[in-house]
Amino acid sequence: MNRDDVINKEFPHAFVGYDVAEVDLFLDEVIREFDRLHNEIDVLTFRLEQLMEKTDANDKEGEEIKKLQNNEK
């Protein structure tokens, strides 16, 4: 499900049912939350990629240090 699914969802009208305006307000809140969560996922994905790159760089640096220490022995 994505924000467009929520925006484009239509409900049949019934004699006894929900207040259409209230449903629309709630769906607007759902759409805002979808957008917020999607943005948060993007930020967290970017931060994870940065940390993984940093970890890879640290691993390589650690390997180089071990090689230098072994060569000194």
C-alpha atoms as a PDB file:
ATOM      1  CA  MET A   1       0.000   0.000   0.000  1.00  0.00           C
ATOM      2  CA  ASN A   2       1.218   3.487  -0.732  1.00  0.00           C
ATOM      3  CA  ARG A   3      -0.049   7.044  -0.418  1.00  0.00           C
ATOM      4  CA  ASP A   4      -1.729   6.939  -3.845  1.00  0.00           C
ATOM      5  CA  ASP A   5      -3.735   3.888  -2.799  1.00  0.00           C
ATOM      6  CA  VAL A   6      -5.065   5.863   0.149  1.00  0.00           C
ATOM      7  CA  ILE A   7      -5.721   9.007  -1.898  1.00  0.00           C
ATOM      8  CA  ASN A   8      -7.557   7.119  -4.634  1.00  0.00           C
ATOM      9  CA  LYS A   9      -9.552   4.755  -2.400  1.00  0.00           C
ATOM     10  CA  GLU A  10     -13.286   5.198  -2.758  1.00  0.00           C
ATOM     11  CA  PHE A  11     -15.934   3.841  -0.439  1.00  0.00           C
ATOM     12  CA  PRO A  12     -19.502   3.156  -1.483  1.00  0.00           C
ATOM     13  CA  HIS A  13     -22.118   5.354   0.152  1.00  0.00           C
ATOM     14  CA  ALA A  14     -24.664   3.642   2.342  1.00  0.00           C
ATOM     15  CA  PHE A  15     -27.771   4.945   4.031  1.00  0.00           C
ATOM     16  CA  VAL A  16     -26.335   4.155   7.433  1.00  0.00           C
ATOM     17  CA  GLY A  17     -22.595   4.566   7.539  1.00  0.00           C
ATOM     18  CA  TYR A  18     -19.705   6.835   8.290  1.00  0.00           C
ATOM     19  CA  ASP A  19     -19.435  10.604   7.985  1.00  0.00           C
ATOM     20  CA  VAL A  20     -17.624  11.103   4.671  1.00  0.00           C
ATOM     21  CA  ALA A  21     -15.885  14.270   5.903  1.00  0.00           C
ATOM     22  CA  GLU A  22     -14.549  12.429   8.967  1.00  0.00           C
ATOM     23  CA  VAL A  23     -13.262   9.563   6.815  1.00  0.00           C
ATOM     24  CA  ASP A  24     -11.555  12.055   4.489  1.00  0.00           C
ATOM     25  CA  LEU A  25      -9.890  13.801   7.449  1.00  0.00           C
ATOM     26  CA  PHE A  26      -8.642  10.486   8.782  1.00  0.00           C
ATOM     27  CA  LEU A  27      -7.307   9.442   5.374  1.00  0.00           C
ATOM     28  CA  ASP A  28      -5.489  12.779   5.148  1.00  0.00           C
ATOM     29  CA  GLU A  29      -3.792  11.925   8.453  1.00  0.00           C
ATOM     30  CA  VAL A  30      -2.873   8.481   7.115  1.00  0.00           C
ATOM     31  CA  ILE A  31      -1.334  10.054   4.005  1.00  0.00           C
ATOM     32  CA  ARG A  32       0.736  12.475   6.129  1.00  0.00           C
ATOM     33  CA  GLU A  33       1.947   9.553   8.244  1.00  0.00           C
ATOM     34  CA  PHE A  34       2.858   7.571   5.107  1.00  0.00           C
ATOM     35  CA  ASP A  35       4.883  10.538   3.879  1.00  0.00           C
ATOM     36  CA  ARG A  36       6.582  10.993   7.263  1.00  0.00           C
ATOM     37  CA  LEU A  37       7.498   7.323   7.502  1.00  0.00           C
ATOM     38  CA  HIS A  38       8.741   7.229   3.927  1.00  0.00           C
ATOM     39  CA  ASN A  39      10.988  10.229   4.622  1.00  0.00           C
ATOM     40  CA  GLU A  40      12.237   8.622   7.832  1.00  0.00           C
ATOM     41  CA  ILE A  41      13.056   5.414   5.950  1.00  0.00           C
ATOM     42  CA  ASP A  42      15.022   7.434   3.377  1.00  0.00           C
ATOM     43  CA  VAL A  43      17.020   9.194   6.110  1.00  0.00           C
ATOM     44  CA  LEU A  44      17.710   5.971   7.997  1.00  0.00           C
ATOM     45  CA  THR A  45      18.719   4.156   4.813  1.00  0.00           C
ATOM     46  CA  PHE A  46      21.172   6.944   3.995  1.00  0.00           C
ATOM     47  CA  ARG A  47      22.613   6.854   7.537  1.00  0.00           C
ATOM     48  CA  LEU A  48      22.939   3.068   7.381  1.00  0.00           C
ATOM     49  CA  GLU A  49      24.812   3.286   4.080  1.00  0.00           C
ATOM     50  CA  GLN A  50      27.179   5.858   5.593  1.00  0.00           C
ATOM     51  CA  LEU A  51      27.828   3.674   8.630  1.00  0.00           C
ATOM     52  CA  MET A  52      28.408   0.620   6.467  1.00  0.00           C
ATOM     53  CA  GLU A  53      30.947   2.546   4.372  1.00  0.00           C
ATOM     54  CA  LYS A  54      32.670   3.744   7.542  1.00  0.00           C
ATOM     55  CA  THR A  55      32.719   0.194   8.923  1.00  0.00           C
ATOM     56  CA  ASP A  56      34.212  -1.113   5.679  1.00  0.00           C
ATOM     57  CA  ALA A  57      36.891   1.589   5.791  1.00  0.00           C
ATOM     58  CA  ASN A  58      37.676   0.747   9.421  1.00  0.00           C
ATOM     59  CA  ASP A  59      37.894  -2.972   8.598  1.00  0.00           C
ATOM     60  CA  LYS A  60      40.347  -2.278   5.786  1.00  0.00           C
ATOM     61  CA  GLU A  61      42.408  -0.012   8.042  1.00  0.00           C
ATOM     62  CA  GLY A  62      42.477  -2.713  10.710  1.00  0.00           C
ATOM     63  CA  GLU A  63      43.684  -5.286   8.192  1.00  0.00           C
ATOM     64  CA  GLU A  64      46.470  -2.970   7.060  1.00  0.00           C
ATOM     65  CA  ILE A  65      47.571  -2.425  10.660  1.00  0.00           C
ATOM     66  CA  LYS A  66      47.665  -6.184  11.267  1.00  0.00           C
ATOM     67  CA  LYS A  67      49.795  -6.690   8.133  1.00  0.00           C
ATOM     68  CA  LEU A  68      52.224  -3.996   9.287  1.00  0.00           C
ATOM     69  CA  GLN A  69      52.431  -5.551  12.748  1.00  0.00           C
ATOM     70  CA  ASN A  70      53.084  -8.991  11.241  1.00  0.00           C
ATOM     71  CA  ASN A  71      55.828  -7.561   9.006  1.00  0.00           C
ATOM     72  CA  GLU A  72      57.544  -6.003  12.051  1.00  0.00           C
ATOM     73  CA  LYS A  73      57.797  -9.385  13.786  1.00  0.00           C
END
